[in-house]
C-alpha atoms as a PDB file:
ATOM      1  CA  UNK A   1     -15.332  17.001  -8.383  1.00  0.00           C
ATOM      2  CA  UNK A   2     -12.099  17.932  -6.652  1.00  0.00           C
ATOM      3  CA  UNK A   3      -8.865  18.640  -8.440  1.00  0.00           C
ATOM      4  CA  UNK A   4      -5.881  17.089  -6.767  1.00  0.00           C
ATOM      5  CA  UNK A   5      -2.619  18.881  -7.247  1.00  0.00           C
ATOM      6  CA  UNK A   6       0.564  16.961  -6.047  1.00  0.00           C
ATOM      7  CA  UNK A   7       2.813  18.544  -3.405  1.00  0.00           C
ATOM      8  CA  UNK A   8       6.010  17.032  -4.962  1.00  0.00           C
ATOM      9  CA  UNK A   9       6.721  15.017  -8.245  1.00  0.00           C
ATOM     10  CA  UNK A  10       9.608  12.808  -8.809  1.00  0.00           C
ATOM     11  CA  UNK A  11      10.730  10.763 -11.840  1.00  0.00           C
ATOM     12  CA  UNK A  12      12.809   7.644 -11.396  1.00  0.00           C
ATOM     13  CA  UNK A  13      13.802   4.781 -13.611  1.00  0.00           C
ATOM     14  CA  UNK A  14      14.722   2.114 -11.220  1.00  0.00           C
ATOM     15  CA  UNK A  15      14.490   1.214  -7.554  1.00  0.00           C
ATOM     16  CA  UNK A  16      18.239   2.193  -7.162  1.00  0.00           C
ATOM     17  CA  UNK A  17      17.634   5.631  -8.522  1.00  0.00           C
ATOM     18  CA  UNK A  18      14.612   5.890  -6.198  1.00  0.00           C
ATOM     19  CA  UNK A  19      16.730   5.103  -3.150  1.00  0.00           C
ATOM     20  CA  UNK A  20      19.339   7.686  -4.200  1.00  0.00           C
ATOM     21  CA  UNK A  21      16.585  10.482  -4.614  1.00  0.00           C
ATOM     22  CA  UNK A  22      14.946   9.743  -1.348  1.00  0.00           C
ATOM     23  CA  UNK A  23      18.148   8.966   0.648  1.00  0.00           C
ATOM     24  CA  UNK A  24      17.049   5.538   1.592  1.00  0.00           C
ATOM     25  CA  UNK A  25      19.547   2.881   2.421  1.00  0.00           C
ATOM     26  CA  UNK A  26      18.317  -0.438   1.220  1.00  0.00           C
ATOM     27  CA  UNK A  27      19.783  -3.838   0.696  1.00  0.00           C
ATOM     28  CA  UNK A  28      16.719  -4.867  -1.534  1.00  0.00           C
ATOM     29  CA  UNK A  29      17.430  -5.624  -5.169  1.00  0.00           C
ATOM     30  CA  UNK A  30      14.926  -5.443  -7.924  1.00  0.00           C
ATOM     31  CA  UNK A  31      14.525  -8.873  -9.532  1.00  0.00           C
ATOM     32  CA  UNK A  32      15.490 -10.691  -6.325  1.00  0.00           C
ATOM     33  CA  UNK A  33      13.093  -9.084  -3.795  1.00  0.00           C
ATOM     34  CA  UNK A  34      10.449  -8.005  -6.161  1.00  0.00           C
ATOM     35  CA  UNK A  35       9.818  -5.814  -9.101  1.00  0.00           C
ATOM     36  CA  UNK A  36      10.914  -2.054  -9.102  1.00  0.00           C
ATOM     37  CA  UNK A  37       7.310  -1.091  -8.783  1.00  0.00           C
ATOM     38  CA  UNK A  38       6.723  -3.384  -5.806  1.00  0.00           C
ATOM     39  CA  UNK A  39       9.775  -2.307  -3.965  1.00  0.00           C
ATOM     40  CA  UNK A  40       9.088   1.419  -4.522  1.00  0.00           C
ATOM     41  CA  UNK A  41       5.527   1.063  -3.365  1.00  0.00           C
ATOM     42  CA  UNK A  42       6.704  -0.723  -0.164  1.00  0.00           C
ATOM     43  CA  UNK A  43       9.287   1.839   0.551  1.00  0.00           C
ATOM     44  CA  UNK A  44       6.852   4.736  -0.010  1.00  0.00           C
ATOM     45  CA  UNK A  45       4.384   3.325   2.455  1.00  0.00           C
ATOM     46  CA  UNK A  46       7.098   3.687   5.258  1.00  0.00           C
ATOM     47  CA  UNK A  47       8.423   7.138   4.036  1.00  0.00           C
ATOM     48  CA  UNK A  48       5.773   9.374   5.394  1.00  0.00           C
ATOM     49  CA  UNK A  49       2.126   9.540   6.115  1.00  0.00           C
ATOM     50  CA  UNK A  50       1.115  11.247   2.805  1.00  0.00           C
ATOM     51  CA  UNK A  51      -0.539   9.397  -0.140  1.00  0.00           C
ATOM     52  CA  UNK A  52       1.514   8.645  -3.304  1.00  0.00           C
ATOM     53  CA  UNK A  53       0.310   8.076  -6.801  1.00  0.00           C
ATOM     54  CA  UNK A  54       2.684   5.772  -8.765  1.00  0.00           C
ATOM     55  CA  UNK A  55       2.336   5.794 -12.560  1.00  0.00           C
ATOM     56  CA  UNK A  56       4.553   3.876 -14.854  1.00  0.00           C
ATOM     57  CA  UNK A  57       5.180   6.028 -18.084  1.00  0.00           C
ATOM     58  CA  UNK A  58       6.406   4.211 -21.175  1.00  0.00           C
ATOM     59  CA  UNK A  59       7.747   6.672 -23.581  1.00  0.00           C
ATOM     60  CA  UNK A  60       9.762   6.185 -26.785  1.00  0.00           C
ATOM     61  CA  UNK A  61      13.169   5.929 -25.216  1.00  0.00           C
ATOM     62  CA  UNK A  62      12.467   4.159 -21.800  1.00  0.00           C
ATOM     63  CA  UNK A  63       9.892   3.803 -19.005  1.00  0.00           C
ATOM     64  CA  UNK A  64       9.986   5.679 -15.852  1.00  0.00           C
ATOM     65  CA  UNK A  65       7.935   5.870 -12.617  1.00  0.00           C
ATOM     66  CA  UNK A  66       6.196   9.155 -12.014  1.00  0.00           C
ATOM     67  CA  UNK A  67       5.663   9.537  -8.198  1.00  0.00           C
ATOM     68  CA  UNK A  68       3.355  12.233  -7.131  1.00  0.00           C
ATOM     69  CA  UNK A  69       3.077  13.093  -3.337  1.00  0.00           C
ATOM     70  CA  UNK A  70      -0.580  13.876  -2.239  1.00  0.00           C
ATOM     71  CA  UNK A  71      -0.887  15.765   1.105  1.00  0.00           C
ATOM     72  CA  UNK A  72      -3.719  14.590   3.271  1.00  0.00           C
END
């Protein structure tokens, strides 16, 4: 069994916050063009060649996406 340690970890609440952290200029809007999760997944697939784990964490205050970059 292998242990995978992420290279980088990001925490974002919305697609807009994701675009700001990753410096992505996008005209897509969550709700009109898909859910936050779908849009984040689509953008990450074009961001680089590494794998990304996307988890939605629902805590007491609000939910957020935990993005973990896995280097191949």
